Amino acid sequence: MDFLRPASWEEALAAKAEHPTAVPIAGGTDIMVEINFDQRRPDVLLDLNRIGELQEWETGEETVRLGASVPYTRIMENLRAELPGLALASHTVASPQIRNRGGVGGNLGTASPAGDAHPALLAAGAVVEVASVRGTRLIPIDDFYTGVKRNALAPDELIRAVHIKKADGPQQFSKVGTRNAMVIAVCAFGLALHPETRTVRTGIGSAAPTPVRARPAEEFLAAALDEGGFWDNGKLIPPAVARQFAELVSGSASPIDDVRGSASYRRHALGVMARRTLGWTWDEYRGNERTIRCA
């Protein structure tokens, strides 16, 4: 196994172009486990830890540009207001040691449907910045996952950053597992309300071949909030609306039976999480509305 350690982003892209099968390593929280258990033996490892820009973030007027290797701990500590859904998801990632090393770029690179960051990124409508010696391109998160542990990266491309709009409304994340953290999700769910556009976005993890959105549930809830005037009046959402939303979320999944849980349990759990996260986000939205009206 060859080990490459570029000192700059340009060197990293050149190395990836010369060795398209090279596996990038930054936090190493996934690939090193596979190597240690002899489940994977790459020909080339491409160490990105010397590239400082991958561990930096920029907060613009409307968007956060998050370097691919920004550790989950820094997201939790510094970006809770701007990226609340991703910050909540970061809390559930493995152990403190892993949260100090792992970043969103690793989740995106491995594209495991159980990755904790995926539901939050889908709900927030993130855009993935990837690059090669041929140039840079932006991939909407909806187009990034192409199959089981497969993504839209070309062989010579590396993930450089993720662009995420600052939250304009409440966001939530929920995960089912045997513990709060240090566990692979049985299933996970992210929800974001976007009052500026009066839209709803969701993200489902570990309950389909890829991370997915519950689009029928989003469309139903956005229409129900609009038709009932809820965005403006801030009234409680009727239980029937919450139940229908939960059913549509469950129906959007295509889970399997495995050692962590059955398909039927995953569908049930997603429905419960959908109702709960809707309640949490709407309570927060109503609180914000009252503050605005009283100001």
Foldseek 3Di string as FASTA:
>chain_A
DAEAEDQEPQVLQVVLVVPLQEAEDFLCPPVVVCVVVVVDDGPYHYYDPNYVLLQDWDDDPWKIKHRQFNALVCCLVPVCQFQVAQNQLLVAEADPSSSNGHGNQVCLQQQALQDSNFFSCQFQFKWWWKAHPVGIDIHTSQQFRDFQSDGDDDSSMGTTTMMGTGAPADKHKDFDAPDSHNGGGCKIKIKGQHLVVLWIWMWIGNFARGIDTLVVLRVLVSVQCVVVVCSPPLDDDDPVNLQVSLLSQLVSGHGDDDPGGHNVVRSVVSSVVSSVRVVVRSVRSSVVNVVVVVD
